[in-house]
Amino acid sequence: MLVFIVDLEKRVILNRVIYPGAGLALLLSCFWPGDRVDNLLSSLLGGAIAFIIMLLVLIISRSGIGGGDVKLGILIGLATGFPELLVALAFSFFAVGLVAILLLLLRIKRFQDVIPFGPFLAISAIITLLWSQPILDWATTLAIHH
């Protein structure tokens, strides 16, 4: 929630929040139910995939996200693991797009205005940590039936 508020108000994601959070996420991954090694590998894979995806978005968009968003993505990947990370990223990109379109249509923002991405990543991470399994089950059901 700290990242949500600070990025929304100041448009910055603090390393002093991200780095300890990343260490804590890795440590806690060893204590989730199930095999410790599998959980740690899932956490590391989530962090690595988040890094690749977010770095590609940073390079392609040039100004759509910043380095803090990339680091926050890595933290989310470490916290959620793989494949749950994909739920968090998909939800955050969908949500920010929807909000951006709404703000443009209502003329609250102009096309060149900046919308901080960190709050969307933070909310998506919380949703994923709480409800990723039902979301993944629903997505799998949709994929099988279509």
N, C-alpha and C. Protein backbone atom coordinates (compact mmCIF):
# COMPACT_ATOMS: atom_id res chain seq x y z
N MET A 1 0.83 -1.19 0.00
CA MET A 1 0.00 0.00 0.00
C MET A 1 0.87 1.25 0.00
N LEU A 2 2.06 1.16 0.58
CA LEU A 2 2.97 2.29 0.60
C LEU A 2 3.36 2.69 -0.83
N VAL A 3 3.66 1.70 -1.65
CA VAL A 3 4.01 1.97 -3.05
C VAL A 3 2.83 2.63 -3.76
N PHE A 4 1.64 2.15 -3.51
CA PHE A 4 0.42 2.71 -4.11
C PHE A 4 0.33 4.20 -3.82
N ILE A 5 0.43 4.57 -2.57
CA ILE A 5 0.24 5.96 -2.15
C ILE A 5 1.38 6.86 -2.64
N VAL A 6 2.61 6.43 -2.44
CA VAL A 6 3.76 7.27 -2.81
C VAL A 6 3.81 7.47 -4.32
N ASP A 7 3.61 6.42 -5.10
CA ASP A 7 3.65 6.58 -6.56
C ASP A 7 2.50 7.44 -7.06
N LEU A 8 1.35 7.31 -6.45
CA LEU A 8 0.21 8.12 -6.84
C LEU A 8 0.45 9.60 -6.55
N GLU A 9 1.03 9.89 -5.40
CA GLU A 9 1.25 11.28 -5.00
C GLU A 9 2.54 11.88 -5.57
N LYS A 10 3.63 11.13 -5.55
CA LYS A 10 4.95 11.68 -5.90
C LYS A 10 5.52 11.15 -7.22
N ARG A 11 4.86 10.13 -7.78
CA ARG A 11 5.32 9.49 -9.01
C ARG A 11 6.73 8.92 -8.87
N VAL A 12 6.97 8.24 -7.75
CA VAL A 12 8.25 7.58 -7.50
C VAL A 12 8.00 6.30 -6.73
N ILE A 13 8.78 5.28 -7.06
CA ILE A 13 8.73 4.01 -6.33
C ILE A 13 10.07 3.86 -5.63
N LEU A 14 10.03 3.82 -4.32
CA LEU A 14 11.24 3.88 -3.50
C LEU A 14 11.99 2.55 -3.44
N ASN A 15 13.30 2.61 -3.72
CA ASN A 15 14.14 1.42 -3.60
C ASN A 15 14.17 0.90 -2.18
N ARG A 16 14.05 1.80 -1.20
CA ARG A 16 14.09 1.35 0.20
C ARG A 16 12.84 0.55 0.59
N VAL A 17 11.85 0.55 -0.27
CA VAL A 17 10.68 -0.32 -0.09
C VAL A 17 10.83 -1.58 -0.94
N ILE A 18 11.29 -1.40 -2.18
CA ILE A 18 11.39 -2.52 -3.13
C ILE A 18 12.42 -3.55 -2.70
N TYR A 19 13.63 -3.12 -2.36
CA TYR A 19 14.70 -4.07 -2.06
C TYR A 19 14.42 -4.93 -0.83
N PRO A 20 14.03 -4.35 0.30
CA PRO A 20 13.68 -5.21 1.44
C PRO A 20 12.46 -6.09 1.14
N GLY A 21 11.51 -5.54 0.38
CA GLY A 21 10.33 -6.34 -0.01
C GLY A 21 10.71 -7.54 -0.84
N ALA A 22 11.68 -7.36 -1.74
CA ALA A 22 12.14 -8.48 -2.59
C ALA A 22 12.80 -9.55 -1.73
N GLY A 23 13.64 -9.13 -0.79
CA GLY A 23 14.28 -10.10 0.10
C GLY A 23 13.27 -10.84 0.95
N LEU A 24 12.30 -10.10 1.46
CA LEU A 24 11.25 -10.71 2.28
C LEU A 24 10.40 -11.69 1.45
N ALA A 25 10.09 -11.32 0.21
CA ALA A 25 9.30 -12.20 -0.66
C ALA A 25 10.04 -13.51 -0.92
N LEU A 26 11.33 -13.44 -1.17
CA LEU A 26 12.11 -14.67 -1.37
C LEU A 26 12.14 -15.52 -0.11
N LEU A 27 12.36 -14.88 1.01
CA LEU A 27 12.39 -15.61 2.29
C LEU A 27 11.05 -16.28 2.56
N LEU A 28 9.96 -15.53 2.41
CA LEU A 28 8.64 -16.07 2.70
C LEU A 28 8.24 -17.18 1.73
N SER A 29 8.78 -17.14 0.51
CA SER A 29 8.42 -18.18 -0.46
C SER A 29 8.83 -19.57 0.04
N CYS A 30 9.82 -19.61 0.90
CA CYS A 30 10.27 -20.90 1.46
C CYS A 30 9.33 -21.43 2.53
N PHE A 31 8.39 -20.61 2.97
CA PHE A 31 7.50 -21.01 4.04
C PHE A 31 6.05 -21.20 3.60
N TRP A 32 5.78 -21.03 2.30
CA TRP A 32 4.42 -21.31 1.81
C TRP A 32 4.18 -22.80 1.87
N PRO A 33 2.93 -23.22 1.92
CA PRO A 33 2.66 -24.66 1.92
C PRO A 33 3.21 -25.31 0.65
N GLY A 34 3.68 -26.51 0.79
CA GLY A 34 4.24 -27.24 -0.35
C GLY A 34 5.75 -27.36 -0.22
N ASP A 35 6.35 -27.77 -1.30
CA ASP A 35 7.79 -28.02 -1.33
C ASP A 35 8.55 -26.68 -1.33
N ARG A 36 9.50 -26.53 -0.43
CA ARG A 36 10.24 -25.26 -0.30
C ARG A 36 11.04 -24.94 -1.56
N VAL A 37 11.67 -25.94 -2.13
CA VAL A 37 12.48 -25.71 -3.33
C VAL A 37 11.59 -25.29 -4.50
N ASP A 38 10.46 -25.98 -4.67
CA ASP A 38 9.52 -25.61 -5.74
C ASP A 38 9.01 -24.19 -5.55
N ASN A 39 8.68 -23.82 -4.32
CA ASN A 39 8.18 -22.48 -4.04
C ASN A 39 9.25 -21.42 -4.33
N LEU A 40 10.48 -21.70 -3.94
CA LEU A 40 11.58 -20.77 -4.19
C LEU A 40 11.83 -20.62 -5.69
N LEU A 41 11.80 -21.74 -6.40
CA LEU A 41 11.99 -21.69 -7.86
C LEU A 41 10.85 -20.94 -8.54
N SER A 42 9.63 -21.13 -8.07
CA SER A 42 8.48 -20.41 -8.61
C SER A 42 8.65 -18.91 -8.39
N SER A 43 9.12 -18.54 -7.20
CA SER A 43 9.35 -17.14 -6.87
C SER A 43 10.43 -16.54 -7.77
N LEU A 44 11.53 -17.24 -7.92
CA LEU A 44 12.62 -16.76 -8.77
C LEU A 44 12.20 -16.67 -10.23
N LEU A 45 11.44 -17.66 -10.70
CA LEU A 45 10.95 -17.63 -12.08
C LEU A 45 9.98 -16.47 -12.28
N GLY A 46 9.11 -16.24 -11.30
CA GLY A 46 8.20 -15.10 -11.37
C GLY A 46 8.95 -13.79 -11.46
N GLY A 47 9.98 -13.63 -10.64
CA GLY A 47 10.79 -12.41 -10.68
C GLY A 47 11.51 -12.23 -12.01
N ALA A 48 12.05 -13.33 -12.54
CA ALA A 48 12.78 -13.25 -13.82
C ALA A 48 11.84 -12.92 -14.98
N ILE A 49 10.69 -13.56 -15.01
CA ILE A 49 9.72 -13.29 -16.09
C ILE A 49 9.20 -11.86 -15.98
N ALA A 50 8.95 -11.41 -14.76
CA ALA A 50 8.50 -10.03 -14.56
C ALA A 50 9.55 -9.06 -15.07
N PHE A 51 10.82 -9.34 -14.78
CA PHE A 51 11.89 -8.46 -15.25
C PHE A 51 11.89 -8.38 -16.77
N ILE A 52 11.80 -9.51 -17.43
CA ILE A 52 11.82 -9.53 -18.89
C ILE A 52 10.62 -8.77 -19.47
N ILE A 53 9.43 -9.06 -18.98
CA ILE A 53 8.22 -8.41 -19.50
C ILE A 53 8.26 -6.91 -19.26
N MET A 54 8.58 -6.51 -18.03
CA MET A 54 8.56 -5.09 -17.70
C MET A 54 9.68 -4.34 -18.42
N LEU A 55 10.84 -4.96 -18.58
CA LEU A 55 11.92 -4.32 -19.32
C LEU A 55 11.54 -4.13 -20.78
N LEU A 56 10.90 -5.13 -21.37
CA LEU A 56 10.43 -4.99 -22.76
C LEU A 56 9.41 -3.85 -22.88
N VAL A 57 8.50 -3.75 -21.93
CA VAL A 57 7.51 -2.66 -21.95
C VAL A 57 8.23 -1.32 -21.82
N LEU A 58 9.21 -1.24 -20.94
CA LEU A 58 9.98 0.00 -20.76
C LEU A 58 10.69 0.39 -22.06
N ILE A 59 11.33 -0.57 -22.70
CA ILE A 59 12.06 -0.30 -23.95
C ILE A 59 11.11 0.09 -25.07
N ILE A 60 10.03 -0.65 -25.22
CA ILE A 60 9.08 -0.40 -26.31
C ILE A 60 8.32 0.90 -26.11
N SER A 61 7.87 1.16 -24.89
CA SER A 61 7.04 2.34 -24.65
C SER A 61 7.87 3.61 -24.50
N ARG A 62 9.11 3.50 -24.13
CA ARG A 62 10.06 4.59 -23.92
C ARG A 62 9.68 5.54 -22.80
N SER A 63 8.41 5.76 -22.55
CA SER A 63 8.05 6.64 -21.44
C SER A 63 6.78 6.17 -20.75
N GLY A 64 6.27 5.01 -21.12
CA GLY A 64 5.03 4.52 -20.54
C GLY A 64 5.19 4.05 -19.11
N ILE A 65 6.36 3.50 -18.80
CA ILE A 65 6.66 3.08 -17.43
C ILE A 65 8.09 3.51 -17.12
N GLY A 66 8.44 3.45 -15.85
CA GLY A 66 9.79 3.82 -15.45
C GLY A 66 10.52 2.65 -14.82
N GLY A 67 11.76 2.92 -14.44
CA GLY A 67 12.58 1.88 -13.81
C GLY A 67 11.99 1.38 -12.51
N GLY A 68 11.32 2.26 -11.77
CA GLY A 68 10.67 1.83 -10.52
C GLY A 68 9.57 0.83 -10.77
N ASP A 69 8.84 1.01 -11.89
CA ASP A 69 7.80 0.05 -12.25
C ASP A 69 8.40 -1.31 -12.58
N VAL A 70 9.56 -1.30 -13.23
CA VAL A 70 10.24 -2.57 -13.55
C VAL A 70 10.62 -3.27 -12.26
N LYS A 71 11.21 -2.54 -11.31
CA LYS A 71 11.61 -3.13 -10.03
C LYS A 71 10.40 -3.61 -9.24
N LEU A 72 9.32 -2.85 -9.28
CA LEU A 72 8.09 -3.27 -8.60
C LEU A 72 7.56 -4.55 -9.24
N GLY A 73 7.63 -4.64 -10.56
CA GLY A 73 7.21 -5.86 -11.25
C GLY A 73 8.01 -7.07 -10.78
N ILE A 74 9.32 -6.88 -10.62
CA ILE A 74 10.17 -7.97 -10.13
C ILE A 74 9.73 -8.38 -8.73
N LEU A 75 9.50 -7.40 -7.86
CA LEU A 75 9.03 -7.70 -6.50
C LEU A 75 7.73 -8.48 -6.54
N ILE A 76 6.82 -8.08 -7.40
CA ILE A 76 5.53 -8.77 -7.51
C ILE A 76 5.75 -10.20 -8.01
N GLY A 77 6.65 -10.38 -8.97
CA GLY A 77 6.97 -11.71 -9.46
C GLY A 77 7.55 -12.60 -8.36
N LEU A 78 8.42 -12.03 -7.54
CA LEU A 78 9.00 -12.78 -6.43
C LEU A 78 7.94 -13.14 -5.40
N ALA A 79 7.01 -12.22 -5.16
CA ALA A 79 5.97 -12.43 -4.14
C ALA A 79 4.90 -13.41 -4.61
N THR A 80 4.51 -13.33 -5.88
CA THR A 80 3.42 -14.18 -6.35
C THR A 80 3.92 -15.48 -6.95
N GLY A 81 5.10 -15.47 -7.54
CA GLY A 81 5.62 -16.66 -8.21
C GLY A 81 5.01 -16.81 -9.59
N PHE A 82 5.38 -17.91 -10.23
CA PHE A 82 4.86 -18.22 -11.57
C PHE A 82 3.92 -19.40 -11.47
N PRO A 83 2.76 -19.36 -12.10
CA PRO A 83 2.25 -18.46 -13.13
C PRO A 83 1.42 -17.29 -12.59
N GLU A 84 1.29 -17.20 -11.27
CA GLU A 84 0.45 -16.16 -10.68
C GLU A 84 0.87 -14.76 -11.10
N LEU A 85 2.16 -14.57 -11.34
CA LEU A 85 2.67 -13.29 -11.80
C LEU A 85 1.92 -12.82 -13.05
N LEU A 86 1.62 -13.75 -13.93
CA LEU A 86 0.94 -13.40 -15.18
C LEU A 86 -0.46 -12.83 -14.91
N VAL A 87 -1.12 -13.34 -13.89
CA VAL A 87 -2.42 -12.79 -13.48
C VAL A 87 -2.25 -11.34 -13.04
N ALA A 88 -1.26 -11.10 -12.20
CA ALA A 88 -1.03 -9.74 -11.69
C ALA A 88 -0.71 -8.76 -12.81
N LEU A 89 0.18 -9.15 -13.72
CA LEU A 89 0.55 -8.24 -14.81
C LEU A 89 -0.61 -8.02 -15.77
N ALA A 90 -1.32 -9.09 -16.11
CA ALA A 90 -2.46 -8.94 -17.02
C ALA A 90 -3.50 -8.00 -16.43
N PHE A 91 -3.80 -8.21 -15.17
CA PHE A 91 -4.80 -7.36 -14.52
C PHE A 91 -4.34 -5.91 -14.46
N SER A 92 -3.06 -5.68 -14.15
CA SER A 92 -2.58 -4.30 -14.04
C SER A 92 -2.59 -3.59 -15.39
N PHE A 93 -2.18 -4.27 -16.46
CA PHE A 93 -2.20 -3.65 -17.79
C PHE A 93 -3.64 -3.38 -18.24
N PHE A 94 -4.52 -4.32 -17.97
CA PHE A 94 -5.93 -4.13 -18.33
C PHE A 94 -6.53 -2.96 -17.55
N ALA A 95 -6.27 -2.91 -16.25
CA ALA A 95 -6.85 -1.87 -15.40
C ALA A 95 -6.34 -0.49 -15.77
N VAL A 96 -5.04 -0.34 -15.99
CA VAL A 96 -4.51 0.98 -16.33
C VAL A 96 -5.03 1.42 -17.70
N GLY A 97 -5.17 0.49 -18.62
CA GLY A 97 -5.73 0.84 -19.94
C GLY A 97 -7.16 1.31 -19.84
N LEU A 98 -7.95 0.59 -19.06
CA LEU A 98 -9.35 0.95 -18.87
C LEU A 98 -9.49 2.33 -18.20
N VAL A 99 -8.71 2.56 -17.16
CA VAL A 99 -8.76 3.84 -16.46
C VAL A 99 -8.28 4.96 -17.38
N ALA A 100 -7.23 4.72 -18.15
CA ALA A 100 -6.72 5.75 -19.07
C ALA A 100 -7.77 6.12 -20.10
N ILE A 101 -8.44 5.14 -20.67
CA ILE A 101 -9.49 5.42 -21.65
C ILE A 101 -10.62 6.22 -21.01
N LEU A 102 -11.02 5.82 -19.82
CA LEU A 102 -12.08 6.54 -19.10
C LEU A 102 -11.68 8.00 -18.81
N LEU A 103 -10.46 8.21 -18.34
CA LEU A 103 -9.99 9.56 -18.04
C LEU A 103 -9.90 10.42 -19.30
N LEU A 104 -9.53 9.81 -20.41
CA LEU A 104 -9.48 10.54 -21.69
C LEU A 104 -10.88 10.91 -22.16
N LEU A 105 -11.80 9.95 -22.09
CA LEU A 105 -13.17 10.20 -22.54
C LEU A 105 -13.86 11.27 -21.70
N LEU A 106 -13.56 11.28 -20.41
CA LEU A 106 -14.16 12.27 -19.51
C LEU A 106 -13.38 13.59 -19.52
N ARG A 107 -12.34 13.64 -20.31
CA ARG A 107 -11.49 14.83 -20.46
C ARG A 107 -10.84 15.27 -19.14
N ILE A 108 -10.60 14.30 -18.28
CA ILE A 108 -9.90 14.56 -17.03
C ILE A 108 -8.39 14.59 -17.30
N LYS A 109 -7.96 13.74 -18.22
CA LYS A 109 -6.56 13.68 -18.65
C LYS A 109 -6.48 13.88 -20.15
N ARG A 110 -5.32 14.37 -20.58
CA ARG A 110 -5.05 14.47 -22.01
C ARG A 110 -4.10 13.35 -22.39
N PHE A 111 -3.99 13.08 -23.69
CA PHE A 111 -3.20 11.96 -24.17
C PHE A 111 -1.76 12.02 -23.68
N GLN A 112 -1.18 13.21 -23.60
CA GLN A 112 0.22 13.35 -23.19
C GLN A 112 0.41 13.32 -21.68
N ASP A 113 -0.67 13.33 -20.90
CA ASP A 113 -0.56 13.29 -19.44
C ASP A 113 -0.09 11.92 -18.97
N VAL A 114 0.54 11.92 -17.81
CA VAL A 114 1.09 10.69 -17.23
C VAL A 114 0.11 10.13 -16.20
N ILE A 115 -0.08 8.82 -16.24
CA ILE A 115 -0.85 8.11 -15.23
C ILE A 115 0.13 7.15 -14.55
N PRO A 116 0.37 7.29 -13.26
CA PRO A 116 1.32 6.39 -12.60
C PRO A 116 0.86 4.94 -12.68
N PHE A 117 1.79 4.06 -13.04
CA PHE A 117 1.48 2.64 -13.22
C PHE A 117 1.63 1.84 -11.93
N GLY A 118 2.48 2.33 -11.02
CA GLY A 118 2.73 1.62 -9.77
C GLY A 118 1.49 1.27 -8.97
N PRO A 119 0.54 2.22 -8.82
CA PRO A 119 -0.67 1.86 -8.07
C PRO A 119 -1.45 0.70 -8.68
N PHE A 120 -1.46 0.61 -10.00
CA PHE A 120 -2.15 -0.50 -10.66
C PHE A 120 -1.41 -1.81 -10.43
N LEU A 121 -0.09 -1.75 -10.45
CA LEU A 121 0.70 -2.94 -10.14
C LEU A 121 0.47 -3.38 -8.70
N ALA A 122 0.44 -2.43 -7.78
CA ALA A 122 0.27 -2.75 -6.36
C ALA A 122 -1.09 -3.39 -6.10
N ILE A 123 -2.15 -2.79 -6.63
CA ILE A 123 -3.50 -3.36 -6.43
C ILE A 123 -3.60 -4.74 -7.07
N SER A 124 -3.03 -4.88 -8.27
CA SER A 124 -3.07 -6.17 -8.96
C SER A 124 -2.32 -7.24 -8.17
N ALA A 125 -1.22 -6.86 -7.54
CA ALA A 125 -0.47 -7.82 -6.73
C ALA A 125 -1.32 -8.29 -5.54
N ILE A 126 -1.99 -7.36 -4.89
CA ILE A 126 -2.84 -7.73 -3.74
C ILE A 126 -3.96 -8.66 -4.19
N ILE A 127 -4.63 -8.31 -5.28
CA ILE A 127 -5.71 -9.16 -5.82
C ILE A 127 -5.17 -10.54 -6.15
N THR A 128 -4.00 -10.59 -6.76
CA THR A 128 -3.41 -11.87 -7.15
C THR A 128 -3.05 -12.70 -5.92
N LEU A 129 -2.46 -12.07 -4.92
CA LEU A 129 -2.11 -12.81 -3.71
C LEU A 129 -3.34 -13.38 -3.01
N LEU A 130 -4.44 -12.65 -3.09
CA LEU A 130 -5.66 -13.11 -2.42
C LEU A 130 -6.48 -14.10 -3.25
N TRP A 131 -6.55 -13.88 -4.57
CA TRP A 131 -7.49 -14.65 -5.38
C TRP A 131 -6.91 -15.25 -6.67
N SER A 132 -5.62 -15.48 -6.72
CA SER A 132 -5.04 -15.98 -7.97
C SER A 132 -5.56 -17.35 -8.37
N GLN A 133 -5.74 -18.23 -7.42
CA GLN A 133 -6.16 -19.59 -7.78
C GLN A 133 -7.55 -19.62 -8.43
N PRO A 134 -8.56 -18.95 -7.87
CA PRO A 134 -9.85 -18.92 -8.56
C PRO A 134 -9.76 -18.27 -9.95
N ILE A 135 -8.93 -17.23 -10.08
CA ILE A 135 -8.77 -16.57 -11.37
C ILE A 135 -8.13 -17.52 -12.37
N LEU A 136 -7.07 -18.22 -11.96
CA LEU A 136 -6.40 -19.18 -12.85
C LEU A 136 -7.34 -20.33 -13.22
N ASP A 137 -8.13 -20.81 -12.25
CA ASP A 137 -9.10 -21.88 -12.54
C ASP A 137 -10.12 -21.41 -13.56
N TRP A 138 -10.62 -20.19 -13.42
CA TRP A 138 -11.60 -19.62 -14.34
C TRP A 138 -10.99 -19.49 -15.74
N ALA A 139 -9.75 -18.98 -15.82
CA ALA A 139 -9.08 -18.80 -17.11
C ALA A 139 -8.85 -20.14 -17.79
N THR A 140 -8.47 -21.15 -17.01
CA THR A 140 -8.25 -22.49 -17.56
C THR A 140 -9.55 -23.06 -18.09
N THR A 141 -10.64 -22.88 -17.35
CA THR A 141 -11.96 -23.36 -17.80
C THR A 141 -12.35 -22.69 -19.09
N LEU A 142 -12.15 -21.38 -19.19
CA LEU A 142 -12.46 -20.66 -20.44
C LEU A 142 -11.64 -21.19 -21.61
N ALA A 143 -10.36 -21.42 -21.38
CA ALA A 143 -9.48 -21.89 -22.44
C ALA A 143 -9.87 -23.28 -22.92
N ILE A 144 -10.27 -24.12 -22.00
CA ILE A 144 -10.66 -25.50 -22.36
C ILE A 144 -11.95 -25.52 -23.16
N HIS A 145 -12.90 -24.67 -22.80
CA HIS A 145 -14.20 -24.68 -23.45
C HIS A 145 -14.26 -23.85 -24.73
N HIS A 146 -13.19 -23.15 -25.06
CA HIS A 146 -13.21 -22.35 -26.28
C HIS A 146 -12.12 -22.80 -27.17
